[in-house]
Amino acid sequence: MEGPSNGGMLYHEVQESKLCAVHCVNTVLQGPFFSEFDLAALASDLDRKERQMMLEGGGGGAPADYFIPEESHNVSMDGDFSIQVLQKALEVWDLQVIPLNCPVAEPAQIDPELENAFICHLQDHWFCIRKVNGEWYNFDSLYAAPEHLSKFYLSAYLDTLKGFGWSIFLVRGNFPKECPITSSETSNGYGQWLSPEDAKRITKSCNSVQRPPHRTDLTQQPSDPFLQYGEAEMLLDAEDEDLNAAIAASLMDSSPAVVSVEAGTSQDENKNISGENA
């Protein structure tokens, strides 16, 4: 009989700056497999391919530079990533990300407990709900520890999230079985390994002081369920300027076309001005 993955431990990452997409991907994989720079590289590659497609597409005789975006559509300067970046990252591990409202995902809408992972997104926050060793957990990085979900509560919780406007994606494929948790090379600074007992104890302790951000009560609908979540985001906005600058710098090499277009435009403007003065 196959034993529990990762020795029965749970991998959780606590929010760092606005890196919830990184935390989401890693908790889906149950290990520190990706850094913010890995996702930034994937975003740069997606941007490059999108620019190439726009240039090759032409677009009804419009100038080629008209179709080159000045800003990345796949990563913001504060570290938030698009769903396409998350999809590319998980494709590396042979995992497929499917919108829950797609026809192919209909069985998951009926019996979500038969699946293995869901990704949830609203505004600029990502988190995953993952089945580990037969039990479901909410790995939201705004929580101090993963929160256990019963099979019944899983279905109701997903329905409630959808009702509040969250986008939900199903993750299918061959999930990694093990992560070398003893290797120092796999540490990213904000991840931690917890036993289910430790996770339960931490969650109980936190809930006794203050309810987690955006946790939805199924018996009472709060007037603003994302109020506390918004307050947490305000605190995170002020953190890690160096990290944001590093991510921005990592994108610079991927945008030569934008620089050249802007430079060319400036030169043409200067020539026009000179001609008018003459």
Protein backbone atom coordinates (compact mmCIF):
# COMPACT_ATOMS: atom_id res chain seq x y z
CA MET A 1 0.00 0.00 0.00
CA GLU A 2 1.35 3.43 -1.00
CA GLY A 3 2.18 5.67 1.95
CA PRO A 4 1.23 9.33 2.36
CA SER A 5 2.99 11.85 0.13
CA ASN A 6 5.74 13.97 1.69
CA GLY A 7 5.57 11.88 4.85
CA GLY A 8 2.05 13.11 5.57
CA MET A 9 3.19 16.75 5.81
CA LEU A 10 1.40 19.78 4.34
CA TYR A 11 3.27 22.49 2.42
CA HIS A 12 1.98 26.03 3.02
CA GLU A 13 3.24 29.48 2.08
CA VAL A 14 2.32 32.63 4.01
CA GLN A 15 1.71 35.82 2.01
CA GLU A 16 4.81 37.72 0.93
CA SER A 17 4.28 41.10 -0.77
CA LYS A 18 1.79 40.39 -3.60
CA LEU A 19 3.19 36.99 -4.50
CA CYS A 20 -0.05 35.07 -3.94
CA ALA A 21 0.22 33.60 -7.47
CA VAL A 22 3.59 32.06 -6.55
CA HIS A 23 2.14 30.74 -3.31
CA CYS A 24 -0.86 29.35 -5.17
CA VAL A 25 1.24 27.44 -7.72
CA ASN A 26 3.55 26.02 -5.06
CA THR A 27 0.74 24.85 -2.81
CA VAL A 28 -0.96 23.18 -5.80
CA LEU A 29 2.32 21.32 -6.36
CA GLN A 30 2.91 20.90 -2.61
CA GLY A 31 6.47 22.12 -2.57
CA PRO A 32 8.59 25.23 -3.26
CA PHE A 33 8.99 24.48 -6.96
CA PHE A 34 8.70 28.05 -8.32
CA SER A 35 10.01 31.47 -7.31
CA GLU A 36 8.66 34.86 -8.32
CA PHE A 37 11.53 35.12 -10.81
CA ASP A 38 10.55 31.81 -12.43
CA LEU A 39 7.02 33.11 -12.98
CA ALA A 40 8.38 36.46 -14.20
CA ALA A 41 10.42 34.60 -16.81
CA LEU A 42 7.32 32.72 -17.96
CA ALA A 43 5.43 36.02 -18.14
CA SER A 44 8.20 37.56 -20.26
CA ASP A 45 8.10 34.61 -22.64
CA LEU A 46 4.33 34.93 -22.99
CA ASP A 47 4.65 38.66 -23.65
CA ARG A 48 7.27 38.02 -26.33
CA LYS A 49 5.08 35.45 -28.08
CA GLU A 50 2.05 37.74 -27.91
CA ARG A 51 4.03 40.61 -29.47
CA GLN A 52 5.29 38.31 -32.22
CA MET A 53 1.77 37.14 -33.02
CA MET A 54 0.53 40.74 -33.18
CA LEU A 55 3.36 41.74 -35.51
CA GLU A 56 2.80 38.75 -37.78
CA GLY A 57 -0.97 39.29 -37.77
CA GLY A 58 -0.67 42.69 -39.41
CA GLY A 59 -4.06 44.08 -38.46
CA GLY A 60 -5.60 45.73 -41.52
CA GLY A 61 -2.67 47.88 -42.59
CA ALA A 62 -2.13 49.56 -39.22
CA PRO A 63 1.52 50.25 -38.31
CA ALA A 64 3.21 47.28 -36.65
CA ASP A 65 4.19 49.26 -33.56
CA TYR A 66 0.50 50.00 -32.91
CA PHE A 67 0.05 46.41 -31.75
CA ILE A 68 3.03 46.27 -29.39
CA PRO A 69 1.86 46.66 -25.77
CA GLU A 70 3.86 49.07 -23.66
CA GLU A 71 3.17 47.09 -20.51
CA SER A 72 3.11 43.39 -19.79
CA HIS A 73 -0.30 41.75 -19.84
CA ASN A 74 1.00 38.82 -17.81
CA VAL A 75 2.75 40.39 -14.81
CA SER A 76 2.25 43.69 -13.03
CA MET A 77 5.08 45.69 -11.55
CA ASP A 78 3.95 44.77 -8.03
CA GLY A 79 4.23 41.03 -8.71
CA ASP A 80 0.72 39.92 -9.68
CA PHE A 81 0.54 37.32 -12.48
CA SER A 82 -2.10 36.35 -15.04
CA ILE A 83 -3.88 32.99 -15.22
CA GLN A 84 -1.85 32.26 -18.37
CA VAL A 85 1.35 32.37 -16.31
CA LEU A 86 -0.10 29.99 -13.72
CA GLN A 87 -1.19 27.67 -16.52
CA LYS A 88 2.29 27.66 -18.07
CA ALA A 89 3.93 26.97 -14.71
CA LEU A 90 1.67 24.00 -14.00
CA GLU A 91 2.05 22.67 -17.55
CA VAL A 92 5.71 22.08 -16.69
CA TRP A 93 4.41 19.38 -14.32
CA ASP A 94 1.90 18.00 -16.83
CA LEU A 95 -1.03 19.67 -15.09
CA GLN A 96 -3.98 21.23 -16.89
CA VAL A 97 -5.89 24.30 -15.62
CA ILE A 98 -9.55 24.31 -16.69
CA PRO A 99 -12.24 26.93 -15.92
CA LEU A 100 -14.80 25.27 -13.68
CA ASN A 101 -17.66 26.56 -15.84
CA CYS A 102 -16.39 24.69 -18.93
CA PRO A 103 -18.40 21.66 -20.11
CA VAL A 104 -15.37 19.39 -19.63
CA ALA A 105 -15.33 20.34 -15.94
CA GLU A 106 -19.01 19.57 -15.38
CA PRO A 107 -18.29 16.39 -13.32
CA ALA A 108 -16.21 18.53 -10.93
CA GLN A 109 -19.16 20.87 -10.42
CA ILE A 110 -21.30 17.92 -9.36
CA ASP A 111 -18.74 15.99 -7.29
CA PRO A 112 -15.80 18.31 -6.50
CA GLU A 113 -14.51 15.94 -3.81
CA LEU A 114 -13.48 13.50 -6.56
CA GLU A 115 -10.94 16.02 -7.91
CA ASN A 116 -7.53 16.98 -6.51
CA ALA A 117 -7.15 20.75 -6.71
CA PHE A 118 -8.90 24.03 -7.45
CA ILE A 119 -7.47 27.50 -8.04
CA CYS A 120 -9.54 30.50 -6.92
CA HIS A 121 -9.11 34.09 -8.11
CA LEU A 122 -10.73 37.44 -7.32
CA GLN A 123 -9.31 40.86 -8.16
CA ASP A 124 -5.56 40.38 -7.57
CA HIS A 125 -5.62 37.46 -5.13
CA TRP A 126 -4.98 33.78 -5.91
CA PHE A 127 -5.21 30.75 -3.64
CA CYS A 128 -5.64 27.02 -4.02
CA ILE A 129 -7.85 24.39 -2.45
CA ARG A 130 -6.02 21.07 -2.52
CA LYS A 131 -6.60 17.46 -1.56
CA VAL A 132 -3.57 16.04 0.26
CA ASN A 133 -3.50 12.42 1.39
CA GLY A 134 -7.27 12.13 0.99
CA GLU A 135 -8.15 15.30 2.94
CA TRP A 136 -9.09 18.74 1.59
CA TYR A 137 -7.38 21.95 2.73
CA ASN A 138 -7.65 25.64 1.95
CA PHE A 139 -4.08 26.82 1.29
CA ASP A 140 -4.88 30.55 1.16
CA SER A 141 -1.61 32.40 1.77
CA LEU A 142 -3.47 34.96 3.90
CA TYR A 143 -3.99 32.16 6.44
CA ALA A 144 -1.28 31.25 8.93
CA ALA A 145 -1.81 27.55 8.17
CA PRO A 146 -3.83 25.40 5.76
CA GLU A 147 -7.44 25.07 6.88
CA HIS A 148 -9.08 21.64 6.76
CA LEU A 149 -12.29 21.37 4.74
CA SER A 150 -14.77 18.51 5.03
CA LYS A 151 -16.04 16.98 1.78
CA PHE A 152 -19.48 18.47 2.41
CA TYR A 153 -18.09 21.91 3.21
CA LEU A 154 -15.88 21.81 0.08
CA SER A 155 -18.87 21.81 -2.26
CA ALA A 156 -20.73 24.49 -0.29
CA TYR A 157 -17.60 26.64 -0.01
CA LEU A 158 -16.95 26.54 -3.77
CA ASP A 159 -20.58 27.48 -4.45
CA THR A 160 -20.31 30.39 -2.03
CA LEU A 161 -17.09 31.66 -3.62
CA LYS A 162 -18.74 31.56 -7.05
CA GLY A 163 -21.69 33.48 -5.62
CA PHE A 164 -19.33 36.23 -4.45
CA GLY A 165 -17.73 36.55 -7.88
CA TRP A 166 -14.63 34.37 -7.53
CA SER A 167 -13.28 32.69 -10.69
CA ILE A 168 -12.57 29.02 -10.03
CA PHE A 169 -10.32 26.74 -12.06
CA LEU A 170 -9.99 22.97 -11.89
CA VAL A 171 -6.48 21.47 -11.91
CA ARG A 172 -6.07 17.98 -13.37
CA GLY A 173 -3.09 15.80 -14.23
CA ASN A 174 -0.22 13.95 -12.60
CA PHE A 175 0.61 15.84 -9.42
CA PRO A 176 4.14 15.49 -7.98
CA LYS A 177 4.22 12.67 -5.45
CA GLU A 178 7.15 13.88 -3.38
CA CYS A 179 9.19 16.99 -2.72
CA PRO A 180 12.69 16.77 -1.17
CA ILE A 181 11.65 18.61 1.97
CA THR A 182 15.02 18.08 3.65
CA SER A 183 16.96 19.86 0.90
CA SER A 184 17.99 23.42 1.68
CA GLU A 185 17.80 24.17 -2.06
CA THR A 186 14.03 23.87 -1.96
CA SER A 187 13.55 26.59 0.65
CA ASN A 188 12.20 29.91 -0.62
CA GLY A 189 11.98 31.76 2.69
CA TYR A 190 8.21 31.89 3.10
CA GLY A 191 7.21 28.22 2.82
CA GLN A 192 6.73 25.83 5.72
CA TRP A 193 5.97 22.16 6.26
CA LEU A 194 3.27 21.38 8.81
CA SER A 195 1.69 18.21 10.09
CA PRO A 196 -2.13 18.14 9.87
CA GLU A 197 -2.19 18.34 13.66
CA ASP A 198 -0.02 21.46 13.72
CA ALA A 199 -2.12 23.06 10.97
CA LYS A 200 -5.30 22.39 12.94
CA ARG A 201 -3.78 23.82 16.12
CA ILE A 202 -2.58 27.00 14.39
CA THR A 203 -5.91 27.49 12.61
CA LYS A 204 -7.84 27.02 15.85
CA SER A 205 -5.58 29.49 17.63
CA CYS A 206 -5.99 32.12 14.88
CA ASN A 207 -9.76 31.66 14.68
CA SER A 208 -10.10 32.14 18.41
CA VAL A 209 -8.52 35.60 18.05
CA GLN A 210 -9.82 36.76 14.67
CA ARG A 211 -11.62 35.12 11.77
CA PRO A 212 -9.45 34.71 8.66
CA PRO A 213 -9.75 37.28 5.86
CA HIS A 214 -12.58 36.71 3.34
CA ARG A 215 -13.67 33.48 5.07
CA THR A 216 -17.32 33.12 4.08
CA ASP A 217 -19.84 32.07 6.73
CA LEU A 218 -22.40 29.77 5.15
CA THR A 219 -25.09 30.60 7.71
CA GLN A 220 -24.75 34.40 7.59
CA GLN A 221 -23.84 36.56 4.63
CA PRO A 222 -21.67 39.50 5.75
CA SER A 223 -22.35 42.89 4.20
CA ASP A 224 -18.78 43.06 2.89
CA PRO A 225 -17.05 39.64 3.00
CA PHE A 226 -13.82 41.07 1.53
CA LEU A 227 -13.40 43.98 3.95
CA GLN A 228 -10.73 42.27 6.05
CA TYR A 229 -9.08 40.95 2.89
CA GLY A 230 -8.83 44.51 1.57
CA GLU A 231 -7.22 45.66 4.82
CA ALA A 232 -4.63 42.90 4.56
CA GLU A 233 -3.87 43.91 0.97
CA MET A 234 -3.29 47.53 2.07
CA LEU A 235 -0.62 46.34 4.47
CA LEU A 236 1.00 44.18 1.80
CA ASP A 237 1.09 47.09 -0.66
CA ALA A 238 3.70 48.79 1.51
CA GLU A 239 6.09 45.82 1.57
CA ASP A 240 9.03 44.67 -0.53
CA GLU A 241 9.84 47.56 -2.85
CA ASP A 242 13.18 45.91 -3.57
CA LEU A 243 11.39 42.74 -4.66
CA ASN A 244 9.12 44.68 -7.01
CA ALA A 245 12.12 46.46 -8.50
CA ALA A 246 13.87 43.12 -9.05
CA ILE A 247 10.87 41.69 -10.87
CA ALA A 248 10.63 44.82 -13.01
CA ALA A 249 14.33 44.57 -13.85
CA SER A 250 13.93 40.93 -14.88
CA LEU A 251 11.35 42.05 -17.48
CA MET A 252 13.53 44.71 -19.07
CA ASP A 253 15.46 42.32 -21.30
CA SER A 254 12.22 40.97 -22.73
CA SER A 255 11.00 44.28 -24.16
CA PRO A 256 13.52 45.39 -26.83
CA ALA A 257 10.74 45.98 -29.36
CA VAL A 258 9.00 48.45 -27.11
CA VAL A 259 12.20 50.37 -26.49
CA SER A 260 13.06 50.55 -30.17
CA VAL A 261 9.56 51.70 -31.11
CA GLU A 262 9.61 54.43 -28.48
CA ALA A 263 13.09 55.51 -29.57
CA GLY A 264 12.04 55.63 -33.22
CA THR A 265 8.97 57.69 -32.36
CA SER A 266 11.10 60.19 -30.42
CA GLN A 267 13.51 60.57 -33.35
CA ASP A 268 10.68 61.22 -35.81
CA GLU A 269 9.18 63.85 -33.51
CA ASN A 270 12.56 65.59 -33.21
CA LYS A 271 12.91 65.67 -37.02
CA ASN A 272 9.45 67.16 -37.41
CA ILE A 273 10.20 69.87 -34.87
CA SER A 274 13.51 70.69 -36.58
CA GLY A 275 11.78 70.95 -39.93
CA GLU A 276 9.15 73.32 -38.59
CA ASN A 277 11.78 75.57 -36.99
CA ALA A 278 13.71 75.74 -40.29
